[in-house]
Amino acid sequence: MALDGQAFSAGPESSIPRRRRNPLRILAYPFRFAYRVFKRLLAVPLRIFAYHPLSSLLVVLLAVTSGFFAYRDFQAGGLQPGSGSAYNAQVAPSAAAEDFIKGQTTFDAGLMWGSFSSDFKQQLSTRGTSQQTLQQQLDQRKRAGAKVDQVQYGGGVQTSEGMRVFMYVLTMQAPNNQGSAETHYVLTVDPTDKIVNVE
């Protein structure tokens, strides 16, 4: 049998040109990996929602509600000291403010007078008010049957100047059994915890 060149030629499969690998293909691996991770992460909540729709809805509503209240609290405390205006950060009552209110309820002018700053005492003295005259007014109210039935703390704020402002609402029994009435007090307290103004 004669041997010709056809016997040593390449087969049909070797005649197909081989594809060259793209060297830039490796750059796509991070994106493919991230896409696969995203698909799996997305599949988990979808699967949970499919099998537990009611529970999933409650969780979503709870998360939205919590986010809303957190945002509202953040907005309420948004202004900070030094911005030139008062900010709405709630502060606890001061000892001076509590003494003033306690003096009102117990008819003790000493507590009220001791809660005032020196400058405020001087202002009151120029208007003819002293600890003695204040006690006389309280005694007169007490003899007439006036008394404080309820004290409500309305809240307090701190200003950029370092002052604190507190509001109280007192429900008082009017003298001579004339019914009850509400009295509002706005107390301004300085950084040394003394009252500098009463409105």
C-alpha atoms as a PDB file:
ATOM      1  CA  MET A   1       0.000   0.000   0.000  1.00  0.00           C
ATOM      2  CA  ALA A   2       1.430   3.321  -1.010  1.00  0.00           C
ATOM      3  CA  LEU A   3       1.892   5.907   1.561  1.00  0.00           C
ATOM      4  CA  ASP A   4       0.984   9.391   0.519  1.00  0.00           C
ATOM      5  CA  GLY A   5       1.059  12.733   2.247  1.00  0.00           C
ATOM      6  CA  GLN A   6      -2.659  12.476   3.084  1.00  0.00           C
ATOM      7  CA  ALA A   7      -1.966   9.866   5.725  1.00  0.00           C
ATOM      8  CA  PHE A   8       0.259  12.199   7.677  1.00  0.00           C
ATOM      9  CA  SER A   9      -1.867  15.315   7.335  1.00  0.00           C
ATOM     10  CA  ALA A  10      -3.760  16.785  10.271  1.00  0.00           C
ATOM     11  CA  GLY A  11      -7.184  15.369  11.086  1.00  0.00           C
ATOM     12  CA  PRO A  12     -10.432  17.283  10.711  1.00  0.00           C
ATOM     13  CA  GLU A  13     -10.520  18.298  14.357  1.00  0.00           C
ATOM     14  CA  SER A  14      -7.108  19.890  14.198  1.00  0.00           C
ATOM     15  CA  SER A  15      -8.198  22.100  11.357  1.00  0.00           C
ATOM     16  CA  ILE A  16     -10.576  24.054  13.702  1.00  0.00           C
ATOM     17  CA  PRO A  17      -8.789  27.194  14.908  1.00  0.00           C
ATOM     18  CA  ARG A  18      -8.383  27.425  18.654  1.00  0.00           C
ATOM     19  CA  ARG A  19      -9.883  30.400  20.513  1.00  0.00           C
ATOM     20  CA  ARG A  20      -7.453  32.654  22.140  1.00  0.00           C
ATOM     21  CA  ARG A  21      -8.207  33.509  25.748  1.00  0.00           C
ATOM     22  CA  ASN A  22      -8.975  37.148  26.357  1.00  0.00           C
ATOM     23  CA  PRO A  23      -6.432  38.480  28.871  1.00  0.00           C
ATOM     24  CA  LEU A  24      -8.978  41.039  30.052  1.00  0.00           C
ATOM     25  CA  ARG A  25     -11.389  38.279  31.028  1.00  0.00           C
ATOM     26  CA  ILE A  26      -9.867  38.040  34.495  1.00  0.00           C
ATOM     27  CA  LEU A  27     -11.040  41.572  35.216  1.00  0.00           C
ATOM     28  CA  ALA A  28     -14.647  40.411  35.031  1.00  0.00           C
ATOM     29  CA  TYR A  29     -14.240  37.844  37.828  1.00  0.00           C
ATOM     30  CA  PRO A  30     -14.865  40.296  40.727  1.00  0.00           C
ATOM     31  CA  PHE A  31     -18.054  41.527  39.052  1.00  0.00           C
ATOM     32  CA  ARG A  32     -19.264  37.982  38.444  1.00  0.00           C
ATOM     33  CA  PHE A  33     -18.528  37.045  42.027  1.00  0.00           C
ATOM     34  CA  ALA A  34     -20.333  40.104  43.350  1.00  0.00           C
ATOM     35  CA  TYR A  35     -23.311  39.347  41.110  1.00  0.00           C
ATOM     36  CA  ARG A  36     -23.517  35.776  42.412  1.00  0.00           C
ATOM     37  CA  VAL A  37     -23.327  36.954  46.023  1.00  0.00           C
ATOM     38  CA  PHE A  38     -26.030  39.561  45.346  1.00  0.00           C
ATOM     39  CA  LYS A  39     -28.310  36.926  43.825  1.00  0.00           C
ATOM     40  CA  ARG A  40     -27.891  34.638  46.816  1.00  0.00           C
ATOM     41  CA  LEU A  41     -28.416  37.446  49.300  1.00  0.00           C
ATOM     42  CA  LEU A  42     -31.544  38.507  47.435  1.00  0.00           C
ATOM     43  CA  ALA A  43     -32.827  34.953  47.278  1.00  0.00           C
ATOM     44  CA  VAL A  44     -32.757  34.540  51.073  1.00  0.00           C
ATOM     45  CA  PRO A  45     -35.253  37.315  51.966  1.00  0.00           C
ATOM     46  CA  LEU A  46     -37.449  36.428  48.983  1.00  0.00           C
ATOM     47  CA  ARG A  47     -37.580  32.820  50.109  1.00  0.00           C
ATOM     48  CA  ILE A  48     -38.370  33.861  53.688  1.00  0.00           C
ATOM     49  CA  PHE A  49     -41.107  36.206  52.476  1.00  0.00           C
ATOM     50  CA  ALA A  50     -42.569  33.455  50.291  1.00  0.00           C
ATOM     51  CA  TYR A  51     -42.803  30.961  53.152  1.00  0.00           C
ATOM     52  CA  HIS A  52     -43.600  33.472  55.957  1.00  0.00           C
ATOM     53  CA  PRO A  53     -45.385  36.476  54.398  1.00  0.00           C
ATOM     54  CA  LEU A  54     -47.168  37.703  57.533  1.00  0.00           C
ATOM     55  CA  SER A  55     -44.122  37.567  59.775  1.00  0.00           C
ATOM     56  CA  SER A  56     -41.987  39.258  57.136  1.00  0.00           C
ATOM     57  CA  LEU A  57     -44.514  42.070  56.750  1.00  0.00           C
ATOM     58  CA  LEU A  58     -44.558  42.683  60.504  1.00  0.00           C
ATOM     59  CA  VAL A  59     -40.762  42.843  60.593  1.00  0.00           C
ATOM     60  CA  VAL A  60     -40.728  45.380  57.737  1.00  0.00           C
ATOM     61  CA  LEU A  61     -43.358  47.532  59.442  1.00  0.00           C
ATOM     62  CA  LEU A  62     -41.428  47.415  62.701  1.00  0.00           C
ATOM     63  CA  ALA A  63     -38.206  48.459  60.969  1.00  0.00           C
ATOM     64  CA  VAL A  64     -39.925  51.348  59.168  1.00  0.00           C
ATOM     65  CA  THR A  65     -41.568  52.554  62.386  1.00  0.00           C
ATOM     66  CA  SER A  66     -38.291  52.394  64.311  1.00  0.00           C
ATOM     67  CA  GLY A  67     -36.527  54.317  61.565  1.00  0.00           C
ATOM     68  CA  PHE A  68     -39.219  56.998  61.560  1.00  0.00           C
ATOM     69  CA  PHE A  69     -38.999  57.581  65.322  1.00  0.00           C
ATOM     70  CA  ALA A  70     -35.192  57.554  65.226  1.00  0.00           C
ATOM     71  CA  TYR A  71     -35.220  60.177  62.453  1.00  0.00           C
ATOM     72  CA  ARG A  72     -37.730  62.306  64.359  1.00  0.00           C
ATOM     73  CA  ASP A  73     -35.611  62.187  67.522  1.00  0.00           C
ATOM     74  CA  PHE A  74     -32.539  63.082  65.504  1.00  0.00           C
ATOM     75  CA  GLN A  75     -34.329  66.078  63.994  1.00  0.00           C
ATOM     76  CA  ALA A  76     -35.560  67.185  67.426  1.00  0.00           C
ATOM     77  CA  GLY A  77     -32.002  67.401  68.746  1.00  0.00           C
ATOM     78  CA  GLY A  78     -30.546  68.737  65.511  1.00  0.00           C
ATOM     79  CA  LEU A  79     -29.654  72.235  66.703  1.00  0.00           C
ATOM     80  CA  GLN A  80     -26.643  72.332  68.967  1.00  0.00           C
ATOM     81  CA  PRO A  81     -25.353  74.911  71.451  1.00  0.00           C
ATOM     82  CA  GLY A  82     -23.523  77.787  69.826  1.00  0.00           C
ATOM     83  CA  SER A  83     -25.802  77.884  66.792  1.00  0.00           C
ATOM     84  CA  GLY A  84     -27.318  81.156  67.998  1.00  0.00           C
ATOM     85  CA  SER A  85     -30.727  79.803  69.005  1.00  0.00           C
ATOM     86  CA  ALA A  86     -32.295  77.526  71.575  1.00  0.00           C
ATOM     87  CA  TYR A  87     -32.334  73.839  70.786  1.00  0.00           C
ATOM     88  CA  ASN A  88     -35.005  71.373  71.784  1.00  0.00           C
ATOM     89  CA  ALA A  89     -33.000  68.994  73.910  1.00  0.00           C
ATOM     90  CA  GLN A  90     -35.112  67.961  76.875  1.00  0.00           C
ATOM     91  CA  VAL A  91     -33.343  68.524  80.190  1.00  0.00           C
ATOM     92  CA  ALA A  92     -34.160  67.285  83.668  1.00  0.00           C
ATOM     93  CA  PRO A  93     -35.642  69.701  86.224  1.00  0.00           C
ATOM     94  CA  SER A  94     -33.128  71.704  88.227  1.00  0.00           C
ATOM     95  CA  ALA A  95     -32.970  71.743  92.008  1.00  0.00           C
ATOM     96  CA  ALA A  96     -33.793  75.465  92.082  1.00  0.00           C
ATOM     97  CA  ALA A  97     -36.916  74.988  89.978  1.00  0.00           C
ATOM     98  CA  GLU A  98     -38.029  72.075  92.152  1.00  0.00           C
ATOM     99  CA  ASP A  99     -37.498  74.133  95.327  1.00  0.00           C
ATOM    100  CA  PHE A 100     -39.570  76.978  93.917  1.00  0.00           C
ATOM    101  CA  ILE A 101     -42.469  74.655  93.089  1.00  0.00           C
ATOM    102  CA  LYS A 102     -42.172  72.855  96.417  1.00  0.00           C
ATOM    103  CA  GLY A 103     -42.292  76.206  98.184  1.00  0.00           C
ATOM    104  CA  GLN A 104     -45.525  76.961  96.340  1.00  0.00           C
ATOM    105  CA  THR A 105     -47.121  73.678  97.376  1.00  0.00           C
ATOM    106  CA  THR A 106     -45.973  73.803 101.023  1.00  0.00           C
ATOM    107  CA  PHE A 107     -46.372  77.595 101.511  1.00  0.00           C
ATOM    108  CA  ASP A 108     -42.662  77.911 102.326  1.00  0.00           C
ATOM    109  CA  ALA A 109     -41.228  81.237 101.200  1.00  0.00           C
ATOM    110  CA  GLY A 110     -37.769  80.207 102.414  1.00  0.00           C
ATOM    111  CA  LEU A 111     -37.512  77.510  99.729  1.00  0.00           C
ATOM    112  CA  MET A 112     -38.692  79.904  97.051  1.00  0.00           C
ATOM    113  CA  TRP A 113     -36.401  82.741  98.131  1.00  0.00           C
ATOM    114  CA  GLY A 114     -33.403  80.424  98.374  1.00  0.00           C
ATOM    115  CA  SER A 115     -33.925  79.300  94.774  1.00  0.00           C
ATOM    116  CA  PHE A 116     -33.466  82.869  93.462  1.00  0.00           C
ATOM    117  CA  SER A 117     -30.170  84.312  92.272  1.00  0.00           C
ATOM    118  CA  SER A 118     -28.699  87.361  94.028  1.00  0.00           C
ATOM    119  CA  ASP A 119     -29.515  89.625  91.089  1.00  0.00           C
ATOM    120  CA  PHE A 120     -33.103  88.384  90.968  1.00  0.00           C
ATOM    121  CA  LYS A 121     -33.502  88.933  94.721  1.00  0.00           C
ATOM    122  CA  GLN A 122     -32.269  92.483  94.240  1.00  0.00           C
ATOM    123  CA  GLN A 123     -34.758  93.062  91.442  1.00  0.00           C
ATOM    124  CA  LEU A 124     -37.591  91.799  93.637  1.00  0.00           C
ATOM    125  CA  SER A 125     -36.440  93.964  96.536  1.00  0.00           C
ATOM    126  CA  THR A 126     -36.616  97.100  94.394  1.00  0.00           C
ATOM    127  CA  ARG A 127     -40.258  96.174  93.713  1.00  0.00           C
ATOM    128  CA  GLY A 128     -41.003  95.795  97.392  1.00  0.00           C
ATOM    129  CA  THR A 129     -40.884  91.980  97.519  1.00  0.00           C
ATOM    130  CA  SER A 130     -38.814  90.236 100.176  1.00  0.00           C
ATOM    131  CA  GLN A 131     -38.812  86.826 101.785  1.00  0.00           C
ATOM    132  CA  GLN A 132     -41.033  88.187 104.571  1.00  0.00           C
ATOM    133  CA  THR A 133     -43.631  89.732 102.260  1.00  0.00           C
ATOM    134  CA  LEU A 134     -43.604  86.581 100.154  1.00  0.00           C
ATOM    135  CA  GLN A 135     -44.284  84.479 103.242  1.00  0.00           C
ATOM    136  CA  GLN A 136     -47.137  86.786 104.202  1.00  0.00           C
ATOM    137  CA  GLN A 137     -48.752  86.258 100.790  1.00  0.00           C
ATOM    138  CA  LEU A 138     -48.406  82.479 101.114  1.00  0.00           C
ATOM    139  CA  ASP A 139     -49.861  82.500 104.635  1.00  0.00           C
ATOM    140  CA  GLN A 140     -52.796  84.552 103.453  1.00  0.00           C
ATOM    141  CA  ARG A 141     -53.490  82.054 100.681  1.00  0.00           C
ATOM    142  CA  LYS A 142     -53.195  79.158 103.083  1.00  0.00           C
ATOM    143  CA  ARG A 143     -55.671  80.693 105.518  1.00  0.00           C
ATOM    144  CA  ALA A 144     -58.116  81.285 102.671  1.00  0.00           C
ATOM    145  CA  GLY A 145     -58.061  77.574 101.833  1.00  0.00           C
ATOM    146  CA  ALA A 146     -55.991  77.719  98.658  1.00  0.00           C
ATOM    147  CA  LYS A 147     -53.867  74.674  97.943  1.00  0.00           C
ATOM    148  CA  VAL A 148     -52.049  73.001  95.079  1.00  0.00           C
ATOM    149  CA  ASP A 149     -53.836  69.844  93.934  1.00  0.00           C
ATOM    150  CA  GLN A 150     -51.517  68.779  91.126  1.00  0.00           C
ATOM    151  CA  VAL A 151     -48.103  69.671  89.720  1.00  0.00           C
ATOM    152  CA  GLN A 152     -47.219  68.872  86.114  1.00  0.00           C
ATOM    153  CA  TYR A 153     -43.723  69.279  84.702  1.00  0.00           C
ATOM    154  CA  GLY A 154     -44.066  70.595  81.159  1.00  0.00           C
ATOM    155  CA  GLY A 155     -40.415  70.104  80.184  1.00  0.00           C
ATOM    156  CA  GLY A 156     -37.253  72.100  79.865  1.00  0.00           C
ATOM    157  CA  VAL A 157     -34.857  73.347  77.212  1.00  0.00           C
ATOM    158  CA  GLN A 158     -31.332  74.674  77.263  1.00  0.00           C
ATOM    159  CA  THR A 159     -30.369  77.816  75.375  1.00  0.00           C
ATOM    160  CA  SER A 160     -27.166  78.625  73.570  1.00  0.00           C
ATOM    161  CA  GLU A 161     -26.255  81.066  76.372  1.00  0.00           C
ATOM    162  CA  GLY A 162     -26.212  78.227  78.915  1.00  0.00           C
ATOM    163  CA  MET A 163     -29.553  79.141  80.503  1.00  0.00           C
ATOM    164  CA  ARG A 164     -32.251  76.539  81.135  1.00  0.00           C
ATOM    165  CA  VAL A 165     -35.956  77.237  80.862  1.00  0.00           C
ATOM    166  CA  PHE A 166     -38.520  75.055  82.657  1.00  0.00           C
ATOM    167  CA  MET A 167     -42.304  75.068  82.504  1.00  0.00           C
ATOM    168  CA  TYR A 168     -44.671  73.870  85.220  1.00  0.00           C
ATOM    169  CA  VAL A 169     -48.448  73.725  85.356  1.00  0.00           C
ATOM    170  CA  LEU A 170     -50.024  73.862  88.811  1.00  0.00           C
ATOM    171  CA  THR A 171     -53.674  72.977  89.354  1.00  0.00           C
ATOM    172  CA  MET A 172     -54.690  75.043  92.368  1.00  0.00           C
ATOM    173  CA  GLN A 173     -57.769  75.081  94.544  1.00  0.00           C
ATOM    174  CA  ALA A 174     -58.923  78.708  94.594  1.00  0.00           C
ATOM    175  CA  PRO A 175     -59.486  80.437  97.959  1.00  0.00           C
ATOM    176  CA  ASN A 176     -62.893  80.296  99.602  1.00  0.00           C
ATOM    177  CA  ASN A 177     -63.891  77.231  97.557  1.00  0.00           C
ATOM    178  CA  GLN A 178     -64.201  79.175  94.317  1.00  0.00           C
ATOM    179  CA  GLY A 179     -63.206  76.187  92.207  1.00  0.00           C
ATOM    180  CA  SER A 180     -59.869  75.211  90.719  1.00  0.00           C
ATOM    181  CA  ALA A 181     -57.629  76.975  88.248  1.00  0.00           C
ATOM    182  CA  GLU A 182     -54.387  76.300  86.427  1.00  0.00           C
ATOM    183  CA  THR A 183     -51.338  78.448  86.985  1.00  0.00           C
ATOM    184  CA  HIS A 184     -48.400  78.319  84.574  1.00  0.00           C
ATOM    185  CA  TYR A 185     -44.840  79.056  85.629  1.00  0.00           C
ATOM    186  CA  VAL A 186     -41.909  79.554  83.259  1.00  0.00           C
ATOM    187  CA  LEU A 187     -38.670  79.521  85.249  1.00  0.00           C
ATOM    188  CA  THR A 188     -35.345  80.638  83.790  1.00  0.00           C
ATOM    189  CA  VAL A 189     -32.340  79.120  85.572  1.00  0.00           C
ATOM    190  CA  ASP A 190     -28.737  80.285  85.142  1.00  0.00           C
ATOM    191  CA  PRO A 191     -25.663  77.997  84.882  1.00  0.00           C
ATOM    192  CA  THR A 192     -25.186  78.193  88.694  1.00  0.00           C
ATOM    193  CA  ASP A 193     -28.660  76.609  89.141  1.00  0.00           C
ATOM    194  CA  LYS A 194     -30.377  79.718  90.433  1.00  0.00           C
ATOM    195  CA  ILE A 195     -33.618  81.217  89.142  1.00  0.00           C
ATOM    196  CA  VAL A 196     -33.115  84.537  87.358  1.00  0.00           C
ATOM    197  CA  ASN A 197     -36.680  85.072  86.118  1.00  0.00           C
ATOM    198  CA  VAL A 198     -40.209  83.884  86.850  1.00  0.00           C
ATOM    199  CA  GLU A 199     -43.071  84.350  84.428  1.00  0.00           C
END
